[in-house]
PDB file of N, CA and C in Angstrom:
ATOM      1  N   MET A   1     153.298  53.616 194.487  1.00  0.00           N
ATOM      2  CA  MET A   1     153.220  52.004 195.303  1.00  0.00           C
ATOM      3  C   MET A   1     152.525  51.501 193.989  1.00  0.00           C
ATOM      4  N   THR A   2     153.225  50.522 193.501  1.00  0.00           N
ATOM      5  CA  THR A   2     152.787  49.555 192.577  1.00  0.00           C
ATOM      6  C   THR A   2     152.134  48.358 193.139  1.00  0.00           C
ATOM      7  N   VAL A   3     151.090  47.444 192.591  1.00  0.00           N
ATOM      8  CA  VAL A   3     150.697  46.577 193.172  1.00  0.00           C
ATOM      9  C   VAL A   3     152.221  45.715 193.344  1.00  0.00           C
ATOM     10  N   ARG A   4     152.595  45.222 193.325  1.00  0.00           N
ATOM     11  CA  ARG A   4     153.306  44.370 193.595  1.00  0.00           C
ATOM     12  C   ARG A   4     154.092  44.534 195.005  1.00  0.00           C
ATOM     13  N   GLU A   5     154.747  45.872 194.611  1.00  0.00           N
ATOM     14  CA  GLU A   5     155.125  46.893 195.978  1.00  0.00           C
ATOM     15  C   GLU A   5     154.010  46.450 197.149  1.00  0.00           C
ATOM     16  N   ALA A   6     152.803  46.897 196.297  1.00  0.00           N
ATOM     17  CA  ALA A   6     151.632  46.639 198.231  1.00  0.00           C
ATOM     18  C   ALA A   6     151.553  45.523 198.345  1.00  0.00           C
ATOM     19  N   ALA A   7     151.848  44.149 197.376  1.00  0.00           N
ATOM     20  CA  ALA A   7     151.573  42.994 198.001  1.00  0.00           C
ATOM     21  C   ALA A   7     152.649  42.690 198.956  1.00  0.00           C
ATOM     22  N   ALA A   8     153.640  43.069 198.501  1.00  0.00           N
ATOM     23  CA  ALA A   8     154.969  42.659 199.746  1.00  0.00           C
ATOM     24  C   ALA A   8     154.996  42.783 200.337  1.00  0.00           C
ATOM     25  N   ALA A   9     154.425  44.449 200.736  1.00  0.00           N
ATOM     26  CA  ALA A   9     154.290  45.221 202.085  1.00  0.00           C
ATOM     27  C   ALA A   9     153.232  44.698 202.852  1.00  0.00           C
ATOM     28  N   LEU A  10     152.140  44.232 202.789  1.00  0.00           N
ATOM     29  CA  LEU A  10     150.933  44.022 203.110  1.00  0.00           C
ATOM     30  C   LEU A  10     151.415  41.762 203.431  1.00  0.00           C
ATOM     31  N   GLY A  11     152.268  41.382 202.820  1.00  0.00           N
ATOM     32  CA  GLY A  11     152.738  40.065 202.851  1.00  0.00           C
ATOM     33  C   GLY A  11     151.568  39.641 202.702  1.00  0.00           C
ATOM     34  N   ALA A  12     151.323  40.142 201.286  1.00  0.00           N
ATOM     35  CA  ALA A  12     149.833  38.961 200.359  1.00  0.00           C
ATOM     36  C   ALA A  12     150.774  38.081 199.691  1.00  0.00           C
ATOM     37  N   GLU A  13     149.645  36.881 199.736  1.00  0.00           N
ATOM     38  CA  GLU A  13     150.054  36.484 198.146  1.00  0.00           C
ATOM     39  C   GLU A  13     149.634  36.649 196.467  1.00  0.00           C
ATOM     40  N   ILE A  14     150.214  36.910 195.695  1.00  0.00           N
ATOM     41  CA  ILE A  14     150.197  37.059 194.351  1.00  0.00           C
ATOM     42  C   ILE A  14     148.975  36.402 194.027  1.00  0.00           C
ATOM     43  N   CYS A  15     148.310  35.937 193.468  1.00  0.00           N
ATOM     44  CA  CYS A  15     147.513  34.453 193.121  1.00  0.00           C
ATOM     45  C   CYS A  15     147.083  34.349 191.769  1.00  0.00           C
ATOM     46  N   GLN A  16     146.917  35.566 191.209  1.00  0.00           N
ATOM     47  CA  GLN A  16     146.511  35.951 189.496  1.00  0.00           C
ATOM     48  C   GLN A  16     148.041  37.098 189.218  1.00  0.00           C
ATOM     49  N   ASP A  17     149.408  36.580 188.618  1.00  0.00           N
ATOM     50  CA  ASP A  17     150.301  37.353 188.282  1.00  0.00           C
ATOM     51  C   ASP A  17     149.995  38.008 186.886  1.00  0.00           C
ATOM     52  N   VAL A  18     148.798  38.062 185.909  1.00  0.00           N
ATOM     53  CA  VAL A  18     148.953  38.446 184.690  1.00  0.00           C
ATOM     54  C   VAL A  18     148.621  39.914 184.910  1.00  0.00           C
ATOM     55  N   PHE A  19     149.270  40.976 185.138  1.00  0.00           N
ATOM     56  CA  PHE A  19     149.076  42.217 185.154  1.00  0.00           C
ATOM     57  C   PHE A  19     149.724  43.047 184.545  1.00  0.00           C
ATOM     58  N   ASN A  20     149.371  44.276 184.267  1.00  0.00           N
ATOM     59  CA  ASN A  20     150.531  45.489 184.537  1.00  0.00           C
ATOM     60  C   ASN A  20     150.573  46.392 185.814  1.00  0.00           C
ATOM     61  N   ASP A  21     151.950  45.842 186.035  1.00  0.00           N
ATOM     62  CA  ASP A  21     152.796  46.548 187.775  1.00  0.00           C
ATOM     63  C   ASP A  21     152.304  47.779 187.814  1.00  0.00           C
ATOM     64  N   SER A  22     151.054  48.562 187.593  1.00  0.00           N
ATOM     65  CA  SER A  22     151.212  50.261 187.480  1.00  0.00           C
ATOM     66  C   SER A  22     150.864  50.531 188.841  1.00  0.00           C
ATOM     67  N   GLU A  23     151.323  52.105 189.033  1.00  0.00           N
ATOM     68  CA  GLU A  23     150.677  52.525 190.603  1.00  0.00           C
ATOM     69  C   GLU A  23     149.650  52.716 190.918  1.00  0.00           C
ATOM     70  N   LEU A  24     149.329  52.238 192.394  1.00  0.00           N
ATOM     71  CA  LEU A  24     148.254  52.300 193.024  1.00  0.00           C
ATOM     72  C   LEU A  24     147.504  53.763 193.296  1.00  0.00           C
ATOM     73  N   SER A  25     146.152  53.861 192.827  1.00  0.00           N
ATOM     74  CA  SER A  25     146.024  55.308 192.546  1.00  0.00           C
ATOM     75  C   SER A  25     144.919  55.517 194.373  1.00  0.00           C
ATOM     76  N   GLY A  26     144.825  54.310 194.841  1.00  0.00           N
ATOM     77  CA  GLY A  26     144.238  54.648 196.119  1.00  0.00           C
ATOM     78  C   GLY A  26     143.762  53.396 196.657  1.00  0.00           C
ATOM     79  N   ALA A  27     142.454  53.077 197.541  1.00  0.00           N
ATOM     80  CA  ALA A  27     141.898  51.888 197.595  1.00  0.00           C
ATOM     81  C   ALA A  27     140.463  52.344 198.348  1.00  0.00           C
ATOM     82  N   TYR A  28     139.778  51.135 197.932  1.00  0.00           N
ATOM     83  CA  TYR A  28     138.547  51.160 198.418  1.00  0.00           C
ATOM     84  C   TYR A  28     137.921  49.788 199.303  1.00  0.00           C
ATOM     85  N   THR A  29     137.155  49.652 200.438  1.00  0.00           N
ATOM     86  CA  THR A  29     137.315  48.919 200.807  1.00  0.00           C
ATOM     87  C   THR A  29     135.711  47.992 201.017  1.00  0.00           C
ATOM     88  N   SER A  30     135.058  47.259 200.737  1.00  0.00           N
ATOM     89  CA  SER A  30     133.709  47.171 200.023  1.00  0.00           C
ATOM     90  C   SER A  30     133.346  45.460 200.054  1.00  0.00           C
ATOM     91  N   ASP A  31     132.354  45.126 200.922  1.00  0.00           N
ATOM     92  CA  ASP A  31     131.450  43.702 200.514  1.00  0.00           C
ATOM     93  C   ASP A  31     130.348  43.679 199.428  1.00  0.00           C
ATOM     94  N   LEU A  32     129.704  44.873 199.425  1.00  0.00           N
ATOM     95  CA  LEU A  32     128.937  45.341 198.300  1.00  0.00           C
ATOM     96  C   LEU A  32     129.046  45.198 197.145  1.00  0.00           C
ATOM     97  N   LEU A  33     128.981  44.767 195.887  1.00  0.00           N
ATOM     98  CA  LEU A  33     129.552  45.346 195.076  1.00  0.00           C
ATOM     99  C   LEU A  33     128.897  46.768 194.693  1.00  0.00           C
ATOM    100  N   SER A  34     127.799  46.722 194.988  1.00  0.00           N
ATOM    101  CA  SER A  34     126.771  47.792 193.829  1.00  0.00           C
ATOM    102  C   SER A  34     127.363  49.377 194.606  1.00  0.00           C
ATOM    103  N   ASP A  35     127.927  48.918 196.037  1.00  0.00           N
ATOM    104  CA  ASP A  35     128.654  49.702 196.386  1.00  0.00           C
ATOM    105  C   ASP A  35     129.854  50.315 195.720  1.00  0.00           C
ATOM    106  N   VAL A  36     130.770  48.634 195.370  1.00  0.00           N
ATOM    107  CA  VAL A  36     131.664  49.587 194.679  1.00  0.00           C
ATOM    108  C   VAL A  36     132.102  49.984 193.353  1.00  0.00           C
ATOM    109  N   MET A  37     130.469  49.603 192.700  1.00  0.00           N
ATOM    110  CA  MET A  37     130.666  50.242 191.532  1.00  0.00           C
ATOM    111  C   MET A  37     130.056  51.731 191.514  1.00  0.00           C
ATOM    112  N   ALA A  38     129.590  52.330 192.433  1.00  0.00           N
ATOM    113  CA  ALA A  38     129.088  53.667 192.820  1.00  0.00           C
ATOM    114  C   ALA A  38     130.130  54.365 193.259  1.00  0.00           C
ATOM    115  N   ASN A  39     130.853  53.632 194.057  1.00  0.00           N
ATOM    116  CA  ASN A  39     132.384  54.697 194.520  1.00  0.00           C
ATOM    117  C   ASN A  39     133.827  54.759 194.457  1.00  0.00           C
ATOM    118  N   ALA A  40     134.199  53.324 194.246  1.00  0.00           N
ATOM    119  CA  ALA A  40     135.191  52.841 193.744  1.00  0.00           C
ATOM    120  C   ALA A  40     135.757  53.843 192.708  1.00  0.00           C
ATOM    121  N   LYS A  41     137.516  54.197 192.861  1.00  0.00           N
ATOM    122  CA  LYS A  41     137.641  54.791 191.930  1.00  0.00           C
ATOM    123  C   LYS A  41     139.158  53.846 191.136  1.00  0.00           C
ATOM    124  N   ASP A  42     138.664  54.978 189.694  1.00  0.00           N
ATOM    125  CA  ASP A  42     140.042  54.412 188.725  1.00  0.00           C
ATOM    126  C   ASP A  42     141.436  54.149 189.092  1.00  0.00           C
ATOM    127  N   GLY A  43     141.558  52.734 189.085  1.00  0.00           N
ATOM    128  CA  GLY A  43     143.243  52.528 189.165  1.00  0.00           C
ATOM    129  C   GLY A  43     143.695  52.237 190.591  1.00  0.00           C
ATOM    130  N   GLY A  44     142.549  51.308 191.662  1.00  0.00           N
ATOM    131  CA  GLY A  44     142.554  51.647 193.021  1.00  0.00           C
ATOM    132  C   GLY A  44     142.620  50.125 193.184  1.00  0.00           C
ATOM    133  N   ALA A  45     143.150  49.773 194.941  1.00  0.00           N
ATOM    134  CA  ALA A  45     142.587  48.373 194.889  1.00  0.00           C
ATOM    135  C   ALA A  45     141.271  48.465 195.739  1.00  0.00           C
ATOM    136  N   LEU A  46     140.882  46.855 195.389  1.00  0.00           N
ATOM    137  CA  LEU A  46     139.498  47.010 196.058  1.00  0.00           C
ATOM    138  C   LEU A  46     139.754  45.369 197.475  1.00  0.00           C
ATOM    139  N   VAL A  47     139.429  46.504 198.447  1.00  0.00           N
ATOM    140  CA  VAL A  47     139.961  45.273 199.946  1.00  0.00           C
ATOM    141  C   VAL A  47     138.076  44.415 200.164  1.00  0.00           C
ATOM    142  N   THR A  48     137.792  43.599 199.479  1.00  0.00           N
ATOM    143  CA  THR A  48     137.005  42.481 200.166  1.00  0.00           C
ATOM    144  C   THR A  48     137.621  41.412 200.762  1.00  0.00           C
ATOM    145  N   ILE A  49     135.965  41.069 200.685  1.00  0.00           N
ATOM    146  CA  ILE A  49     135.984  39.155 201.307  1.00  0.00           C
ATOM    147  C   ILE A  49     135.264  38.235 199.900  1.00  0.00           C
ATOM    148  N   GLN A  50     134.666  39.117 199.058  1.00  0.00           N
ATOM    149  CA  GLN A  50     134.318  38.877 197.891  1.00  0.00           C
ATOM    150  C   GLN A  50     134.686  38.048 197.028  1.00  0.00           C
ATOM    151  N   ALA A  51     134.960  36.921 197.082  1.00  0.00           N
ATOM    152  CA  ALA A  51     135.674  35.904 196.007  1.00  0.00           C
ATOM    153  C   ALA A  51     135.049  34.955 194.811  1.00  0.00           C
ATOM    154  N   HIS A  52     134.964  35.441 193.425  1.00  0.00           N
ATOM    155  CA  HIS A  52     133.717  35.222 193.034  1.00  0.00           C
ATOM    156  C   HIS A  52     134.251  35.919 191.404  1.00  0.00           C
ATOM    157  N   ARG A  53     133.779  35.201 190.549  1.00  0.00           N
ATOM    158  CA  ARG A  53     133.808  35.942 189.072  1.00  0.00           C
ATOM    159  C   ARG A  53     132.965  36.943 189.362  1.00  0.00           C
ATOM    160  N   ASN A  54     131.777  37.785 190.307  1.00  0.00           N
ATOM    161  CA  ASN A  54     131.061  39.028 189.771  1.00  0.00           C
ATOM    162  C   ASN A  54     132.106  40.330 190.003  1.00  0.00           C
ATOM    163  N   THR A  55     133.145  39.881 191.709  1.00  0.00           N
ATOM    164  CA  THR A  55     134.135  40.473 191.773  1.00  0.00           C
ATOM    165  C   THR A  55     134.712  41.586 191.017  1.00  0.00           C
ATOM    166  N   VAL A  56     134.965  40.462 190.029  1.00  0.00           N
ATOM    167  CA  VAL A  56     136.019  41.105 188.408  1.00  0.00           C
ATOM    168  C   VAL A  56     135.268  41.606 187.861  1.00  0.00           C
ATOM    169  N   ALA A  57     134.407  40.990 186.934  1.00  0.00           N
ATOM    170  CA  ALA A  57     133.061  41.588 186.672  1.00  0.00           C
ATOM    171  C   ALA A  57     132.776  43.364 186.805  1.00  0.00           C
ATOM    172  N   VAL A  58     132.792  43.156 188.508  1.00  0.00           N
ATOM    173  CA  VAL A  58     132.629  44.938 188.562  1.00  0.00           C
ATOM    174  C   VAL A  58     134.176  45.544 189.010  1.00  0.00           C
ATOM    175  N   ALA A  59     134.861  44.889 189.362  1.00  0.00           N
ATOM    176  CA  ALA A  59     136.677  45.613 189.078  1.00  0.00           C
ATOM    177  C   ALA A  59     136.609  45.885 187.952  1.00  0.00           C
ATOM    178  N   THR A  60     136.549  45.938 186.330  1.00  0.00           N
ATOM    179  CA  THR A  60     136.618  45.863 185.266  1.00  0.00           C
ATOM    180  C   THR A  60     135.540  46.968 185.025  1.00  0.00           C
ATOM    181  N   LEU A  61     134.309  47.051 185.647  1.00  0.00           N
ATOM    182  CA  LEU A  61     133.482  48.155 185.693  1.00  0.00           C
ATOM    183  C   LEU A  61     134.408  49.489 185.999  1.00  0.00           C
ATOM    184  N   VAL A  62     134.626  49.460 186.888  1.00  0.00           N
ATOM    185  CA  VAL A  62     135.534  51.180 187.776  1.00  0.00           C
ATOM    186  C   VAL A  62     136.749  50.873 187.241  1.00  0.00           C
ATOM    187  N   ASN A  63     137.613  49.854 186.297  1.00  0.00           N
ATOM    188  CA  ASN A  63     138.943  50.207 186.703  1.00  0.00           C
ATOM    189  C   ASN A  63     139.790  50.062 188.018  1.00  0.00           C
ATOM    190  N   ILE A  64     139.592  48.818 188.253  1.00  0.00           N
ATOM    191  CA  ILE A  64     140.507  48.351 189.738  1.00  0.00           C
ATOM    192  C   ILE A  64     141.315  47.717 188.980  1.00  0.00           C
ATOM    193  N   THR A  65     142.894  48.110 189.614  1.00  0.00           N
ATOM    194  CA  THR A  65     143.751  47.378 189.223  1.00  0.00           C
ATOM    195  C   THR A  65     144.441  45.988 190.061  1.00  0.00           C
ATOM    196  N   VAL A  66     143.633  46.124 191.458  1.00  0.00           N
ATOM    197  CA  VAL A  66     144.089  44.760 192.173  1.00  0.00           C
ATOM    198  C   VAL A  66     142.592  44.555 193.002  1.00  0.00           C
ATOM    199  N   ILE A  67     142.653  43.279 192.950  1.00  0.00           N
ATOM    200  CA  ILE A  67     141.900  42.742 194.107  1.00  0.00           C
ATOM    201  C   ILE A  67     142.404  42.065 195.318  1.00  0.00           C
ATOM    202  N   VAL A  68     142.210  43.021 196.434  1.00  0.00           N
ATOM    203  CA  VAL A  68     142.824  42.040 197.797  1.00  0.00           C
ATOM    204  C   VAL A  68     141.564  41.285 198.669  1.00  0.00           C
ATOM    205  N   VAL A  69     141.768  39.791 198.196  1.00  0.00           N
ATOM    206  CA  VAL A  69     140.912  39.242 199.120  1.00  0.00           C
ATOM    207  C   VAL A  69     141.353  38.803 200.594  1.00  0.00           C
ATOM    208  N   CYS A  70     141.043  39.142 201.432  1.00  0.00           N
ATOM    209  CA  CYS A  70     140.962  39.117 202.684  1.00  0.00           C
ATOM    210  C   CYS A  70     140.190  37.461 203.642  1.00  0.00           C
ATOM    211  N   ASN A  71     140.919  37.624 204.947  1.00  0.00           N
ATOM    212  CA  ASN A  71     140.742  36.387 205.492  1.00  0.00           C
ATOM    213  C   ASN A  71     140.649  35.259 205.170  1.00  0.00           C
ATOM    214  N   SER A  72     142.258  35.451 204.056  1.00  0.00           N
ATOM    215  CA  SER A  72     142.143  33.819 203.799  1.00  0.00           C
ATOM    216  C   SER A  72     141.267  32.809 202.817  1.00  0.00           C
ATOM    217  N   ARG A  73     140.092  33.594 202.184  1.00  0.00           N
ATOM    218  CA  ARG A  73     139.347  33.073 201.687  1.00  0.00           C
ATOM    219  C   ARG A  73     139.361  31.971 200.446  1.00  0.00           C
ATOM    220  N   PRO A  74     138.989  31.326 199.869  1.00  0.00           N
ATOM    221  CA  PRO A  74     139.409  30.239 199.004  1.00  0.00           C
ATOM    222  C   PRO A  74     138.852  31.440 197.733  1.00  0.00           C
ATOM    223  N   LEU A  75     139.936  31.029 196.190  1.00  0.00           N
ATOM    224  CA  LEU A  75     139.627  31.601 195.555  1.00  0.00           C
ATOM    225  C   LEU A  75     139.069  30.218 194.056  1.00  0.00           C
ATOM    226  N   PRO A  76     138.184  30.871 193.906  1.00  0.00           N
ATOM    227  CA  PRO A  76     137.767  29.828 192.522  1.00  0.00           C
ATOM    228  C   PRO A  76     138.435  30.382 190.903  1.00  0.00           C
ATOM    229  N   ASP A  77     138.871  29.072 190.718  1.00  0.00           N
ATOM    230  CA  ASP A  77     139.518  29.620 189.263  1.00  0.00           C
ATOM    231  C   ASP A  77     138.947  30.018 188.344  1.00  0.00           C
ATOM    232  N   ASP A  78     137.297  30.494 188.168  1.00  0.00           N
ATOM    233  CA  ASP A  78     136.378  31.071 187.799  1.00  0.00           C
ATOM    234  C   ASP A  78     137.064  32.654 187.698  1.00  0.00           C
ATOM    235  N   MET A  79     137.364  32.391 188.969  1.00  0.00           N
ATOM    236  CA  MET A  79     137.374  34.094 189.631  1.00  0.00           C
ATOM    237  C   MET A  79     138.963  34.655 188.632  1.00  0.00           C
ATOM    238  N   LEU A  80     140.007  33.549 189.368  1.00  0.00           N
ATOM    239  CA  LEU A  80     141.070  33.806 188.675  1.00  0.00           C
ATOM    240  C   LEU A  80     141.742  34.119 187.280  1.00  0.00           C
ATOM    241  N   GLU A  81     140.817  32.912 186.497  1.00  0.00           N
ATOM    242  CA  GLU A  81     140.476  32.928 184.791  1.00  0.00           C
ATOM    243  C   GLU A  81     139.995  34.198 184.347  1.00  0.00           C
ATOM    244  N   ALA A  82     139.187  34.496 185.333  1.00  0.00           N
ATOM    245  CA  ALA A  82     138.880  35.882 184.418  1.00  0.00           C
ATOM    246  C   ALA A  82     139.333  36.945 184.941  1.00  0.00           C
ATOM    247  N   ALA A  83     139.814  37.533 186.090  1.00  0.00           N
ATOM    248  CA  ALA A  83     141.235  38.137 186.254  1.00  0.00           C
ATOM    249  C   ALA A  83     141.984  38.602 185.185  1.00  0.00           C
ATOM    250  N   LYS A  84     142.383  37.073 185.027  1.00  0.00           N
ATOM    251  CA  LYS A  84     143.604  37.187 184.383  1.00  0.00           C
ATOM    252  C   LYS A  84     143.143  37.874 182.628  1.00  0.00           C
ATOM    253  N   ASP A  85     142.160  37.286 182.550  1.00  0.00           N
ATOM    254  CA  ASP A  85     141.485  38.029 181.301  1.00  0.00           C
ATOM    255  C   ASP A  85     141.203  39.325 181.054  1.00  0.00           C
ATOM    256  N   GLU A  86     141.143  39.793 181.905  1.00  0.00           N
ATOM    257  CA  GLU A  86     140.985  41.137 182.381  1.00  0.00           C
ATOM    258  C   GLU A  86     142.117  42.254 182.656  1.00  0.00           C
ATOM    259  N   GLY A  87     143.414  41.310 183.092  1.00  0.00           N
ATOM    260  CA  GLY A  87     144.844  41.762 183.759  1.00  0.00           C
ATOM    261  C   GLY A  87     144.854  42.600 184.152  1.00  0.00           C
ATOM    262  N   ILE A  88     143.815  41.602 185.770  1.00  0.00           N
ATOM    263  CA  ILE A  88     143.408  42.518 186.933  1.00  0.00           C
ATOM    264  C   ILE A  88     144.337  41.329 187.924  1.00  0.00           C
ATOM    265  N   ALA A  89     144.518  42.129 188.794  1.00  0.00           N
ATOM    266  CA  ALA A  89     145.474  41.569 190.144  1.00  0.00           C
ATOM    267  C   ALA A  89     144.607  41.095 190.839  1.00  0.00           C
ATOM    268  N   VAL A  90     145.270  39.588 191.596  1.00  0.00           N
ATOM    269  CA  VAL A  90     144.097  39.097 192.642  1.00  0.00           C
ATOM    270  C   VAL A  90     145.187  38.873 193.901  1.00  0.00           C
ATOM    271  N   ILE A  91     144.776  39.418 194.824  1.00  0.00           N
ATOM    272  CA  ILE A  91     146.344  38.953 196.157  1.00  0.00           C
ATOM    273  C   ILE A  91     145.434  38.762 197.443  1.00  0.00           C
ATOM    274  N   ARG A  92     146.168  37.796 198.101  1.00  0.00           N
ATOM    275  CA  ARG A  92     144.836  37.071 199.258  1.00  0.00           C
ATOM    276  C   ARG A  92     145.934  37.511 200.044  1.00  0.00           C
ATOM    277  N   THR A  93     145.357  37.700 201.161  1.00  0.00           N
ATOM    278  CA  THR A  93     146.236  37.743 202.816  1.00  0.00           C
ATOM    279  C   THR A  93     145.287  37.166 204.034  1.00  0.00           C
ATOM    280  N   ARG A  94     145.507  37.043 205.071  1.00  0.00           N
ATOM    281  CA  ARG A  94     144.673  36.446 206.405  1.00  0.00           C
ATOM    282  C   ARG A  94     144.296  37.296 207.165  1.00  0.00           C
ATOM    283  N   GLU A  95     144.598  38.639 206.809  1.00  0.00           N
ATOM    284  CA  GLU A  95     144.104  39.726 207.540  1.00  0.00           C
ATOM    285  C   GLU A  95     143.006  40.000 207.058  1.00  0.00           C
ATOM    286  N   ASN A  96     142.408  40.490 208.229  1.00  0.00           N
ATOM    287  CA  ASN A  96     140.970  41.293 207.778  1.00  0.00           C
ATOM    288  C   ASN A  96     140.658  42.737 206.995  1.00  0.00           C
ATOM    289  N   GLN A  97     139.599  42.626 206.618  1.00  0.00           N
ATOM    290  CA  GLN A  97     139.377  44.576 205.390  1.00  0.00           C
ATOM    291  C   GLN A  97     140.102  45.304 206.154  1.00  0.00           C
ATOM    292  N   PHE A  98     139.734  44.936 207.763  1.00  0.00           N
ATOM    293  CA  PHE A  98     139.951  46.881 208.863  1.00  0.00           C
ATOM    294  C   PHE A  98     141.491  46.688 208.454  1.00  0.00           C
ATOM    295  N   THR A  99     142.077  45.863 208.725  1.00  0.00           N
ATOM    296  CA  THR A  99     144.285  45.797 208.795  1.00  0.00           C
ATOM    297  C   THR A  99     144.512  45.987 208.241  1.00  0.00           C
ATOM    298  N   VAL A 100     144.139  45.208 206.827  1.00  0.00           N
ATOM    299  CA  VAL A 100     144.462  45.812 205.608  1.00  0.00           C
ATOM    300  C   VAL A 100     144.242  46.940 205.052  1.00  0.00           C
ATOM    301  N   SER A 101     143.256  47.677 205.247  1.00  0.00           N
ATOM    302  CA  SER A 101     142.709  48.940 204.928  1.00  0.00           C
ATOM    303  C   SER A 101     143.445  50.009 206.002  1.00  0.00           C
ATOM    304  N   GLY A 102     143.854  49.488 206.680  1.00  0.00           N
ATOM    305  CA  GLY A 102     144.990  50.669 207.700  1.00  0.00           C
ATOM    306  C   GLY A 102     146.064  50.953 207.177  1.00  0.00           C
ATOM    307  N   LYS A 103     146.218  49.541 206.371  1.00  0.00           N
ATOM    308  CA  LYS A 103     147.771  49.316 206.290  1.00  0.00           C
ATOM    309  C   LYS A 103     148.387  49.827 205.297  1.00  0.00           C
ATOM    310  N   LEU A 104     147.189  50.124 204.046  1.00  0.00           N
ATOM    311  CA  LEU A 104     147.149  50.703 202.774  1.00  0.00           C
ATOM    312  C   LEU A 104     146.947  52.049 202.839  1.00  0.00           C
ATOM    313  N   TRP A 105     145.874  52.699 203.685  1.00  0.00           N
ATOM    314  CA  TRP A 105     145.625  53.761 204.106  1.00  0.00           C
ATOM    315  C   TRP A 105     147.160  54.503 204.362  1.00  0.00           C
ATOM    316  N   ASP A 106     148.153  53.647 205.238  1.00  0.00           N
ATOM    317  CA  ASP A 106     149.167  53.985 205.433  1.00  0.00           C
ATOM    318  C   ASP A 106     150.342  54.189 204.482  1.00  0.00           C
ATOM    319  N   LEU A 107     150.121  53.196 204.022  1.00  0.00           N
ATOM    320  CA  LEU A 107     151.376  53.176 202.296  1.00  0.00           C
ATOM    321  C   LEU A 107     151.573  54.150 201.164  1.00  0.00           C
ATOM    322  N   LEU A 108     150.129  54.175 201.146  1.00  0.00           N
ATOM    323  CA  LEU A 108     149.169  55.260 199.943  1.00  0.00           C
ATOM    324  C   LEU A 108     149.620  56.570 200.269  1.00  0.00           C
ATOM    325  N   LYS A 109     149.340  56.951 201.719  1.00  0.00           N
ATOM    326  CA  LYS A 109     149.468  58.187 201.856  1.00  0.00           C
ATOM    327  C   LYS A 109     150.782  58.883 201.979  1.00  0.00           C
ATOM    328  N   ASN A 110     151.630  57.484 202.524  1.00  0.00           N
ATOM    329  CA  ASN A 110     153.366  58.073 202.675  1.00  0.00           C
ATOM    330  C   ASN A 110     154.354  57.270 201.770  1.00  0.00           C
ATOM    331  N   PRO A 111     154.222  57.346 200.191  1.00  0.00           N
ATOM    332  CA  PRO A 111     154.507  56.941 199.051  1.00  0.00           C
ATOM    333  C   PRO A 111     155.947  56.747 199.252  1.00  0.00           C
TER     334      PRO A 111
END
């Protein structure tokens, strides 16, 4: 499943759309960025409510493909610009992390 397909399936808004629409290899859910650095896998989605530039920096370190921001959190311009510079997609949904994680798990286990 590609990033754009996942966004559509989640009913999420693509807020930063300058990225390579690659296949997702999995997902990781956390709001603790040090946890993301230690445990997230290459090519996956990061499900979080952390909507700031540091989230993009961490996503870059672990080669995250898309940041999924939950709970309709506002997205600062500097975050979106950093994501654009790094080629990381940013999508936003009004659903919470638990719901999005469950949906992604289901979508990714049955491609």
